[in-house]
Each structure stands twice: as C-alpha cells, then as structure tokens.
Amino acid sequence: MRRRLVRGEESALGELYDRHAPLVHGLALRFLADEEAAERVTGEVFAEAWEHPLAYEPARGSLRSWLTELTHRRAERHLRERIRGEESYARFEERLRTASAAARADRMVTAMPGPLRTALELAYVRRRDYRAAAAELGVSADEARRRLRLVLQMLSTAVARTVAEPGTGRAS
C-alpha cells in the first residue's frame, strides 16, 4: 500500500480510506464527541497519508497503528484549540485520558496474537458466550475462558496505564 501511495496511485488512497476510515472516524469521534470535527480530522488524516506516504515506516508498526497515531495527534490538536474556547481544562484532560485509553486498547488489540484477537472478536463483536466461542475456535471451554480472561487483563492494563498518568493524557 505504501509503495502505491508513494507512486501517487489514487486507487491506493481509495482502498486505504475504505479499509481504515471507520477506525479513524470512530477514534476521532471518541476524542472529540463532535461529528463535524471528527469528519474534519478524518479528512486531515487521509490527506496527510496521501501527501506524506513516506512518513509511514513499516518497521515501526502496522499501517493501522500509524493511522491511529495520526488520528490521535490531529484530534488532540483540535481539542487543544477548542479548550481555548468553551471547554474547561478538567473536562479536556478527562476526555483526552479516555480517548488515549481507547487508542491504546485499539493498538493493543491490533498487536494481539491471532487466537486472542479471534476470541475477543467472537465474544465482544459477535456476542458469543465462551462456550459458543470455544466451539467456533475448536478449543475447550476452559481454553476459550483462558483466552478471554487474558485479553481482558491486557486491555485493563492499557486503560490502567493511561488513567494512572493524570495530566498528561499519554500512556507510557
């Protein structure tokens, strides 16, 4: 994808947008709680990806993670601009911490081993209980419960790290 963007293939931008716009827009909306601002951030993120495709370095992580980071930075900038207006600093910091936890959790899910990510998807996206998830995964109910417990521990760690750093809005 990166090579195609560097070559200026418009179809690559379309594919990138189709594949990742829901993630980018959802994350921006979580940060900003404003549909219009989230749409602006989404446009800015994809414009940056189109204008500066070499900024994405595959050795540093997935394309999804890079887009998540771009979204985080753009949304944070919009929030900082807004705070100069009507929003209180305490509310701004709380929203930033919450959105940072969500972004960290998303990066963590993206980096999870396939079996854990699949168990998470079955339980929380497809709404399967652990027995149904076990049947679909072809593992024992105990193994499905173990995977789900591990996923929840990993995600709670992501949230705990972000909340534990008040005033920064950044996870370690």
N, C-alpha and C. Protein backbone atom coordinates (compact mmCIF):
# COMPACT_ATOMS: atom_id res chain seq x y z
N MET A 1 0.83 -1.19 0.00
CA MET A 1 0.00 0.00 0.00
C MET A 1 0.88 1.25 0.00
N ARG A 2 1.92 1.23 0.83
CA ARG A 2 2.80 2.40 0.93
C ARG A 2 3.43 2.72 -0.42
N ARG A 3 3.91 1.68 -1.11
CA ARG A 3 4.54 1.90 -2.41
C ARG A 3 3.56 2.53 -3.40
N ARG A 4 2.35 2.06 -3.36
CA ARG A 4 1.33 2.59 -4.27
C ARG A 4 1.00 4.04 -3.94
N LEU A 5 0.97 4.38 -2.67
CA LEU A 5 0.73 5.77 -2.29
C LEU A 5 1.90 6.65 -2.71
N VAL A 6 3.12 6.16 -2.54
CA VAL A 6 4.31 6.91 -2.94
C VAL A 6 4.28 7.17 -4.44
N ARG A 7 3.81 6.19 -5.22
CA ARG A 7 3.71 6.36 -6.68
C ARG A 7 2.55 7.27 -7.07
N GLY A 8 1.71 7.64 -6.12
CA GLY A 8 0.61 8.55 -6.40
C GLY A 8 -0.62 7.87 -6.98
N GLU A 9 -0.79 6.58 -6.72
CA GLU A 9 -1.95 5.85 -7.23
C GLU A 9 -3.19 6.24 -6.43
N GLU A 10 -4.12 6.91 -7.09
CA GLU A 10 -5.34 7.34 -6.41
C GLU A 10 -6.15 6.17 -5.90
N SER A 11 -6.09 5.05 -6.62
CA SER A 11 -6.84 3.87 -6.17
C SER A 11 -6.32 3.38 -4.82
N ALA A 12 -5.03 3.58 -4.55
CA ALA A 12 -4.47 3.17 -3.25
C ALA A 12 -5.07 4.02 -2.14
N LEU A 13 -5.24 5.31 -2.38
CA LEU A 13 -5.86 6.17 -1.37
C LEU A 13 -7.30 5.72 -1.14
N GLY A 14 -8.01 5.39 -2.20
CA GLY A 14 -9.39 4.91 -2.06
C GLY A 14 -9.47 3.64 -1.24
N GLU A 15 -8.57 2.70 -1.50
CA GLU A 15 -8.54 1.45 -0.74
C GLU A 15 -8.18 1.71 0.72
N LEU A 16 -7.20 2.58 0.94
CA LEU A 16 -6.80 2.92 2.30
C LEU A 16 -7.99 3.52 3.05
N TYR A 17 -8.68 4.44 2.40
CA TYR A 17 -9.84 5.07 3.02
C TYR A 17 -10.94 4.05 3.31
N ASP A 18 -11.27 3.23 2.33
CA ASP A 18 -12.33 2.23 2.51
C ASP A 18 -12.02 1.29 3.67
N ARG A 19 -10.77 0.92 3.79
CA ARG A 19 -10.36 -0.05 4.80
C ARG A 19 -10.27 0.57 6.20
N HIS A 20 -9.81 1.82 6.30
CA HIS A 20 -9.49 2.38 7.61
C HIS A 20 -10.32 3.58 8.04
N ALA A 21 -11.18 4.10 7.18
CA ALA A 21 -11.98 5.28 7.56
C ALA A 21 -12.87 5.02 8.78
N PRO A 22 -13.51 3.85 8.90
CA PRO A 22 -14.32 3.63 10.11
C PRO A 22 -13.50 3.72 11.40
N LEU A 23 -12.30 3.17 11.38
CA LEU A 23 -11.42 3.25 12.55
C LEU A 23 -11.05 4.69 12.85
N VAL A 24 -10.57 5.41 11.84
CA VAL A 24 -10.11 6.78 12.02
C VAL A 24 -11.27 7.67 12.49
N HIS A 25 -12.38 7.57 11.81
CA HIS A 25 -13.53 8.41 12.17
C HIS A 25 -14.04 8.07 13.58
N GLY A 26 -14.13 6.78 13.88
CA GLY A 26 -14.60 6.37 15.21
C GLY A 26 -13.70 6.86 16.32
N LEU A 27 -12.41 6.77 16.11
CA LEU A 27 -11.47 7.24 17.12
C LEU A 27 -11.56 8.76 17.26
N ALA A 28 -11.64 9.47 16.15
CA ALA A 28 -11.76 10.93 16.21
C ALA A 28 -13.05 11.33 16.91
N LEU A 29 -14.12 10.62 16.64
CA LEU A 29 -15.40 10.92 17.29
C LEU A 29 -15.33 10.65 18.79
N ARG A 30 -14.63 9.58 19.17
CA ARG A 30 -14.45 9.28 20.59
C ARG A 30 -13.69 10.41 21.29
N PHE A 31 -12.68 10.94 20.63
CA PHE A 31 -11.89 12.04 21.19
C PHE A 31 -12.72 13.31 21.28
N LEU A 32 -13.40 13.64 20.21
CA LEU A 32 -13.97 14.98 20.06
C LEU A 32 -15.44 15.09 20.43
N ALA A 33 -16.17 13.98 20.39
CA ALA A 33 -17.61 13.99 20.67
C ALA A 33 -18.32 15.03 19.82
N ASP A 34 -17.88 15.17 18.58
CA ASP A 34 -18.44 16.16 17.66
C ASP A 34 -18.28 15.60 16.25
N GLU A 35 -19.41 15.29 15.62
CA GLU A 35 -19.39 14.65 14.30
C GLU A 35 -18.65 15.48 13.26
N GLU A 36 -18.92 16.78 13.23
CA GLU A 36 -18.29 17.64 12.23
C GLU A 36 -16.77 17.69 12.42
N ALA A 37 -16.33 17.83 13.66
CA ALA A 37 -14.89 17.86 13.95
C ALA A 37 -14.25 16.51 13.62
N ALA A 38 -14.96 15.41 13.91
CA ALA A 38 -14.43 14.07 13.60
C ALA A 38 -14.28 13.90 12.09
N GLU A 39 -15.22 14.42 11.32
CA GLU A 39 -15.11 14.35 9.86
C GLU A 39 -13.91 15.16 9.37
N ARG A 40 -13.68 16.33 9.97
CA ARG A 40 -12.51 17.14 9.59
C ARG A 40 -11.22 16.39 9.88
N VAL A 41 -11.13 15.80 11.07
CA VAL A 41 -9.93 15.05 11.45
C VAL A 41 -9.73 13.87 10.50
N THR A 42 -10.80 13.17 10.17
CA THR A 42 -10.71 12.03 9.25
C THR A 42 -10.13 12.49 7.92
N GLY A 43 -10.65 13.58 7.40
CA GLY A 43 -10.12 14.12 6.14
C GLY A 43 -8.67 14.52 6.24
N GLU A 44 -8.30 15.14 7.36
CA GLU A 44 -6.91 15.56 7.55
C GLU A 44 -5.96 14.37 7.62
N VAL A 45 -6.39 13.31 8.29
CA VAL A 45 -5.54 12.12 8.43
C VAL A 45 -5.27 11.51 7.06
N PHE A 46 -6.30 11.34 6.25
CA PHE A 46 -6.10 10.73 4.94
C PHE A 46 -5.38 11.67 3.99
N ALA A 47 -5.57 12.97 4.15
CA ALA A 47 -4.81 13.93 3.34
C ALA A 47 -3.32 13.82 3.68
N GLU A 48 -3.02 13.69 4.97
CA GLU A 48 -1.62 13.55 5.37
C GLU A 48 -1.01 12.25 4.84
N ALA A 49 -1.79 11.17 4.91
CA ALA A 49 -1.30 9.88 4.38
C ALA A 49 -1.03 9.99 2.88
N TRP A 50 -1.86 10.73 2.17
CA TRP A 50 -1.70 10.90 0.73
C TRP A 50 -0.51 11.82 0.41
N GLU A 51 -0.38 12.91 1.15
CA GLU A 51 0.66 13.89 0.88
C GLU A 51 2.04 13.46 1.37
N HIS A 52 2.06 12.64 2.42
CA HIS A 52 3.35 12.24 3.03
C HIS A 52 3.40 10.72 3.27
N PRO A 53 3.29 9.91 2.24
CA PRO A 53 3.27 8.46 2.46
C PRO A 53 4.58 7.91 3.01
N LEU A 54 5.68 8.61 2.80
CA LEU A 54 6.96 8.14 3.33
C LEU A 54 7.07 8.32 4.83
N ALA A 55 6.14 9.09 5.41
CA ALA A 55 6.14 9.25 6.88
C ALA A 55 5.78 7.94 7.57
N TYR A 56 5.05 7.08 6.86
CA TYR A 56 4.75 5.76 7.42
C TYR A 56 5.97 4.87 7.25
N GLU A 57 6.47 4.36 8.37
CA GLU A 57 7.63 3.48 8.37
C GLU A 57 7.19 2.10 8.83
N PRO A 58 7.06 1.14 7.91
CA PRO A 58 6.57 -0.20 8.27
C PRO A 58 7.36 -0.86 9.39
N ALA A 59 8.62 -0.55 9.52
CA ALA A 59 9.44 -1.17 10.56
C ALA A 59 8.98 -0.74 11.96
N ARG A 60 8.26 0.38 12.06
CA ARG A 60 7.82 0.88 13.36
C ARG A 60 6.44 0.38 13.75
N GLY A 61 5.73 -0.29 12.83
CA GLY A 61 4.41 -0.81 13.18
C GLY A 61 3.51 -0.89 11.96
N SER A 62 2.31 -1.33 12.21
CA SER A 62 1.35 -1.52 11.11
C SER A 62 0.83 -0.19 10.60
N LEU A 63 0.28 -0.23 9.41
CA LEU A 63 -0.35 0.95 8.81
C LEU A 63 -1.51 1.41 9.68
N ARG A 64 -2.25 0.47 10.21
CA ARG A 64 -3.38 0.78 11.11
C ARG A 64 -2.89 1.55 12.34
N SER A 65 -1.78 1.12 12.92
CA SER A 65 -1.23 1.82 14.09
C SER A 65 -0.79 3.23 13.73
N TRP A 66 -0.19 3.39 12.56
CA TRP A 66 0.26 4.71 12.12
C TRP A 66 -0.94 5.64 11.95
N LEU A 67 -1.99 5.14 11.31
CA LEU A 67 -3.19 5.96 11.13
C LEU A 67 -3.84 6.30 12.47
N THR A 68 -3.80 5.35 13.41
CA THR A 68 -4.33 5.61 14.75
C THR A 68 -3.54 6.72 15.42
N GLU A 69 -2.23 6.69 15.29
CA GLU A 69 -1.39 7.72 15.89
C GLU A 69 -1.64 9.08 15.23
N LEU A 70 -1.77 9.11 13.90
CA LEU A 70 -2.09 10.37 13.21
C LEU A 70 -3.42 10.93 13.72
N THR A 71 -4.40 10.05 13.86
CA THR A 71 -5.72 10.47 14.33
C THR A 71 -5.62 11.04 15.73
N HIS A 72 -4.89 10.34 16.57
CA HIS A 72 -4.71 10.79 17.96
C HIS A 72 -4.12 12.19 17.99
N ARG A 73 -3.06 12.42 17.23
CA ARG A 73 -2.40 13.73 17.22
C ARG A 73 -3.32 14.82 16.68
N ARG A 74 -4.00 14.52 15.57
CA ARG A 74 -4.90 15.52 14.97
C ARG A 74 -6.07 15.84 15.91
N ALA A 75 -6.66 14.82 16.50
CA ALA A 75 -7.79 15.05 17.40
C ALA A 75 -7.35 15.81 18.63
N GLU A 76 -6.17 15.49 19.14
CA GLU A 76 -5.65 16.21 20.31
C GLU A 76 -5.45 17.69 19.97
N ARG A 77 -4.96 17.95 18.78
CA ARG A 77 -4.76 19.34 18.35
C ARG A 77 -6.11 20.08 18.31
N HIS A 78 -7.12 19.42 17.77
CA HIS A 78 -8.45 20.02 17.72
C HIS A 78 -8.99 20.28 19.13
N LEU A 79 -8.76 19.33 20.04
CA LEU A 79 -9.21 19.52 21.41
C LEU A 79 -8.50 20.71 22.07
N ARG A 80 -7.22 20.82 21.83
CA ARG A 80 -6.47 21.93 22.43
C ARG A 80 -6.98 23.27 21.89
N GLU A 81 -7.32 23.31 20.61
CA GLU A 81 -7.88 24.54 20.04
C GLU A 81 -9.23 24.84 20.68
N ARG A 82 -10.03 23.82 20.90
CA ARG A 82 -11.35 24.01 21.50
C ARG A 82 -11.25 24.52 22.93
N ILE A 83 -10.24 24.04 23.67
CA ILE A 83 -10.14 24.44 25.08
C ILE A 83 -9.92 25.94 25.21
N ARG A 84 -9.34 26.53 24.19
CA ARG A 84 -9.16 27.98 24.22
C ARG A 84 -10.51 28.68 24.19
N GLY A 85 -11.52 27.93 23.75
CA GLY A 85 -12.87 28.47 23.66
C GLY A 85 -13.69 28.13 24.88
N GLU A 86 -14.62 27.17 24.71
CA GLU A 86 -15.63 26.95 25.74
C GLU A 86 -15.36 25.83 26.72
N GLU A 87 -14.50 24.91 26.43
CA GLU A 87 -14.37 23.72 27.27
C GLU A 87 -13.43 23.95 28.45
N SER A 88 -13.78 23.42 29.60
CA SER A 88 -12.93 23.55 30.78
C SER A 88 -11.71 22.64 30.65
N TYR A 89 -10.64 23.03 31.28
CA TYR A 89 -9.41 22.26 31.21
C TYR A 89 -9.60 20.87 31.81
N ALA A 90 -10.31 20.77 32.94
CA ALA A 90 -10.52 19.46 33.58
C ALA A 90 -11.29 18.53 32.64
N ARG A 91 -12.31 19.05 31.98
CA ARG A 91 -13.09 18.23 31.04
C ARG A 91 -12.22 17.80 29.86
N PHE A 92 -11.40 18.72 29.39
CA PHE A 92 -10.48 18.42 28.29
C PHE A 92 -9.53 17.28 28.67
N GLU A 93 -8.93 17.38 29.86
CA GLU A 93 -7.99 16.35 30.31
C GLU A 93 -8.68 15.00 30.46
N GLU A 94 -9.89 14.99 30.98
CA GLU A 94 -10.63 13.73 31.15
C GLU A 94 -10.94 13.12 29.79
N ARG A 95 -11.38 13.93 28.85
CA ARG A 95 -11.69 13.41 27.52
C ARG A 95 -10.42 12.89 26.84
N LEU A 96 -9.33 13.59 27.03
CA LEU A 96 -8.07 13.16 26.44
C LEU A 96 -7.60 11.83 27.04
N ARG A 97 -7.73 11.67 28.36
CA ARG A 97 -7.35 10.40 29.00
C ARG A 97 -8.22 9.25 28.48
N THR A 98 -9.51 9.49 28.37
CA THR A 98 -10.43 8.46 27.90
C THR A 98 -10.10 8.05 26.47
N ALA A 99 -9.89 9.04 25.62
CA ALA A 99 -9.58 8.74 24.22
C ALA A 99 -8.22 8.08 24.08
N SER A 100 -7.26 8.46 24.92
CA SER A 100 -5.94 7.83 24.88
C SER A 100 -6.03 6.36 25.28
N ALA A 101 -6.87 6.08 26.27
CA ALA A 101 -7.06 4.68 26.68
C ALA A 101 -7.67 3.88 25.54
N ALA A 102 -8.63 4.46 24.84
CA ALA A 102 -9.26 3.77 23.71
C ALA A 102 -8.24 3.53 22.59
N ALA A 103 -7.42 4.53 22.30
CA ALA A 103 -6.41 4.37 21.25
C ALA A 103 -5.39 3.31 21.64
N ARG A 104 -4.97 3.32 22.89
CA ARG A 104 -4.00 2.32 23.36
C ARG A 104 -4.60 0.92 23.29
N ALA A 105 -5.87 0.78 23.67
CA ALA A 105 -6.54 -0.51 23.60
C ALA A 105 -6.64 -0.98 22.15
N ASP A 106 -6.94 -0.06 21.23
CA ASP A 106 -7.01 -0.44 19.82
C ASP A 106 -5.66 -0.92 19.31
N ARG A 107 -4.60 -0.21 19.67
CA ARG A 107 -3.26 -0.65 19.24
C ARG A 107 -2.92 -2.01 19.84
N MET A 108 -3.34 -2.23 21.10
CA MET A 108 -3.08 -3.50 21.75
C MET A 108 -3.83 -4.64 21.05
N VAL A 109 -5.08 -4.41 20.70
CA VAL A 109 -5.87 -5.44 20.00
C VAL A 109 -5.23 -5.75 18.66
N THR A 110 -4.79 -4.74 17.96
CA THR A 110 -4.15 -4.93 16.65
C THR A 110 -2.89 -5.78 16.78
N ALA A 111 -2.16 -5.62 17.87
CA ALA A 111 -0.90 -6.34 18.06
C ALA A 111 -1.07 -7.72 18.70
N MET A 112 -2.28 -8.05 19.14
CA MET A 112 -2.50 -9.35 19.80
C MET A 112 -2.27 -10.51 18.84
N PRO A 113 -1.83 -11.64 19.38
CA PRO A 113 -1.74 -12.84 18.56
C PRO A 113 -3.13 -13.19 18.02
N GLY A 114 -3.17 -13.77 16.84
CA GLY A 114 -4.42 -14.11 16.18
C GLY A 114 -5.43 -14.85 17.03
N PRO A 115 -5.05 -15.90 17.76
CA PRO A 115 -6.03 -16.64 18.56
C PRO A 115 -6.71 -15.77 19.63
N LEU A 116 -5.96 -14.85 20.23
CA LEU A 116 -6.56 -13.98 21.24
C LEU A 116 -7.50 -12.96 20.59
N ARG A 117 -7.05 -12.39 19.47
CA ARG A 117 -7.87 -11.41 18.77
C ARG A 117 -9.17 -12.05 18.28
N THR A 118 -9.09 -13.29 17.79
CA THR A 118 -10.28 -14.00 17.33
C THR A 118 -11.24 -14.28 18.48
N ALA A 119 -10.72 -14.69 19.62
CA ALA A 119 -11.57 -14.93 20.80
C ALA A 119 -12.27 -13.64 21.22
N LEU A 120 -11.55 -12.53 21.20
CA LEU A 120 -12.13 -11.24 21.54
C LEU A 120 -13.25 -10.87 20.57
N GLU A 121 -12.99 -11.05 19.29
CA GLU A 121 -14.00 -10.72 18.28
C GLU A 121 -15.26 -11.57 18.46
N LEU A 122 -15.07 -12.86 18.70
CA LEU A 122 -16.23 -13.73 18.89
C LEU A 122 -17.06 -13.31 20.10
N ALA A 123 -16.39 -12.97 21.20
CA ALA A 123 -17.10 -12.65 22.43
C ALA A 123 -17.73 -11.26 22.41
N TYR A 124 -17.01 -10.27 21.91
CA TYR A 124 -17.48 -8.90 22.08
C TYR A 124 -18.02 -8.25 20.81
N VAL A 125 -17.67 -8.77 19.66
CA VAL A 125 -18.23 -8.23 18.43
C VAL A 125 -19.40 -9.08 17.98
N ARG A 126 -19.18 -10.39 17.97
CA ARG A 126 -20.25 -11.30 17.53
C ARG A 126 -21.15 -11.77 18.67
N ARG A 127 -20.85 -11.34 19.89
CA ARG A 127 -21.69 -11.62 21.07
C ARG A 127 -21.85 -13.11 21.37
N ARG A 128 -20.76 -13.88 21.25
CA ARG A 128 -20.81 -15.29 21.58
C ARG A 128 -20.40 -15.46 23.05
N ASP A 129 -21.06 -16.38 23.76
CA ASP A 129 -20.57 -16.69 25.10
C ASP A 129 -19.34 -17.59 24.95
N TYR A 130 -18.67 -17.87 26.05
CA TYR A 130 -17.40 -18.60 25.94
C TYR A 130 -17.59 -20.01 25.39
N ARG A 131 -18.75 -20.62 25.63
CA ARG A 131 -18.99 -21.97 25.10
C ARG A 131 -19.12 -21.93 23.58
N ALA A 132 -19.89 -20.97 23.08
CA ALA A 132 -20.05 -20.84 21.62
C ALA A 132 -18.72 -20.45 20.97
N ALA A 133 -17.98 -19.56 21.64
CA ALA A 133 -16.66 -19.17 21.12
C ALA A 133 -15.74 -20.38 21.07
N ALA A 134 -15.77 -21.20 22.11
CA ALA A 134 -14.93 -22.41 22.15
C ALA A 134 -15.27 -23.33 20.98
N ALA A 135 -16.57 -23.51 20.71
CA ALA A 135 -16.99 -24.38 19.62
C ALA A 135 -16.49 -23.84 18.28
N GLU A 136 -16.61 -22.52 18.06
CA GLU A 136 -16.17 -21.93 16.80
C GLU A 136 -14.65 -21.96 16.66
N LEU A 137 -13.95 -21.84 17.78
CA LEU A 137 -12.49 -21.87 17.75
C LEU A 137 -11.92 -23.29 17.71
N GLY A 138 -12.77 -24.26 18.06
CA GLY A 138 -12.29 -25.64 18.09
C GLY A 138 -11.40 -25.92 19.29
N VAL A 139 -11.69 -25.25 20.42
CA VAL A 139 -10.92 -25.44 21.64
C VAL A 139 -11.89 -25.77 22.77
N SER A 140 -11.34 -26.17 23.91
CA SER A 140 -12.19 -26.47 25.07
C SER A 140 -12.77 -25.18 25.64
N ALA A 141 -13.83 -25.31 26.40
CA ALA A 141 -14.44 -24.16 27.05
C ALA A 141 -13.44 -23.50 28.00
N ASP A 142 -12.65 -24.32 28.69
CA ASP A 142 -11.63 -23.77 29.60
C ASP A 142 -10.60 -22.92 28.83
N GLU A 143 -10.20 -23.40 27.66
CA GLU A 143 -9.23 -22.66 26.85
C GLU A 143 -9.84 -21.35 26.36
N ALA A 144 -11.10 -21.37 25.95
CA ALA A 144 -11.77 -20.14 25.50
C ALA A 144 -11.85 -19.14 26.65
N ARG A 145 -12.21 -19.60 27.84
CA ARG A 145 -12.27 -18.72 29.01
C ARG A 145 -10.89 -18.15 29.32
N ARG A 146 -9.87 -18.98 29.23
CA ARG A 146 -8.50 -18.52 29.50
C ARG A 146 -8.09 -17.42 28.52
N ARG A 147 -8.39 -17.62 27.24
CA ARG A 147 -8.05 -16.61 26.23
C ARG A 147 -8.79 -15.30 26.50
N LEU A 148 -10.07 -15.40 26.81
CA LEU A 148 -10.85 -14.18 27.06
C LEU A 148 -10.37 -13.46 28.32
N ARG A 149 -10.03 -14.22 29.34
CA ARG A 149 -9.52 -13.62 30.57
C ARG A 149 -8.19 -12.89 30.28
N LEU A 150 -7.33 -13.51 29.50
CA LEU A 150 -6.05 -12.90 29.16
C LEU A 150 -6.26 -11.61 28.36
N VAL A 151 -7.18 -11.63 27.40
CA VAL A 151 -7.47 -10.44 26.60
C VAL A 151 -7.97 -9.31 27.51
N LEU A 152 -8.89 -9.62 28.42
CA LEU A 152 -9.42 -8.59 29.31
C LEU A 152 -8.34 -8.04 30.23
N GLN A 153 -7.44 -8.89 30.69
CA GLN A 153 -6.34 -8.40 31.53
C GLN A 153 -5.44 -7.46 30.73
N MET A 154 -5.16 -7.81 29.49
CA MET A 154 -4.32 -6.96 28.65
C MET A 154 -4.99 -5.60 28.42
N LEU A 155 -6.28 -5.61 28.12
CA LEU A 155 -6.99 -4.36 27.86
C LEU A 155 -7.12 -3.51 29.13
N SER A 156 -7.35 -4.15 30.26
CA SER A 156 -7.46 -3.37 31.50
C SER A 156 -6.11 -2.75 31.86
N THR A 157 -5.03 -3.40 31.51
CA THR A 157 -3.70 -2.83 31.72
C THR A 157 -3.53 -1.58 30.87
N ALA A 158 -4.01 -1.62 29.63
CA ALA A 158 -3.91 -0.45 28.75
C ALA A 158 -4.67 0.72 29.34
N VAL A 159 -5.86 0.47 29.85
CA VAL A 159 -6.67 1.54 30.44
C VAL A 159 -6.03 2.02 31.73
N ALA A 160 -5.57 1.11 32.58
CA ALA A 160 -4.97 1.49 33.86
C ALA A 160 -3.74 2.36 33.67
N ARG A 161 -2.91 2.06 32.70
CA ARG A 161 -1.72 2.86 32.46
C ARG A 161 -2.08 4.28 32.07
N THR A 162 -3.09 4.43 31.24
CA THR A 162 -3.49 5.75 30.79
C THR A 162 -4.10 6.55 31.93
N VAL A 163 -4.97 5.94 32.71
CA VAL A 163 -5.63 6.62 33.82
C VAL A 163 -4.63 6.97 34.91
N ALA A 164 -3.59 6.16 35.06
CA ALA A 164 -2.60 6.38 36.11
C ALA A 164 -1.70 7.57 35.83
N GLU A 165 -1.80 8.14 34.65
CA GLU A 165 -0.94 9.27 34.29
C GLU A 165 -1.75 10.54 34.12
N PRO A 166 -2.42 11.02 35.18
CA PRO A 166 -3.24 12.21 35.05
C PRO A 166 -2.41 13.42 34.63
N GLY A 167 -3.07 14.27 33.86
CA GLY A 167 -2.42 15.50 33.43
C GLY A 167 -1.63 15.36 32.15
N THR A 168 -1.30 14.15 31.74
CA THR A 168 -0.52 14.01 30.52
C THR A 168 -1.38 13.58 29.37
N GLY A 169 -2.38 12.75 29.65
CA GLY A 169 -3.21 12.23 28.57
C GLY A 169 -2.48 11.22 27.72
N ARG A 170 -1.27 10.87 28.10
CA ARG A 170 -0.49 9.93 27.30
C ARG A 170 -0.20 8.68 28.10
N ALA A 171 -0.19 7.58 27.39
CA ALA A 171 0.16 6.31 28.01
C ALA A 171 1.66 6.13 27.89
N SER A 172 2.20 5.36 28.80
CA SER A 172 3.66 5.12 28.75
C SER A 172 4.00 4.08 27.74
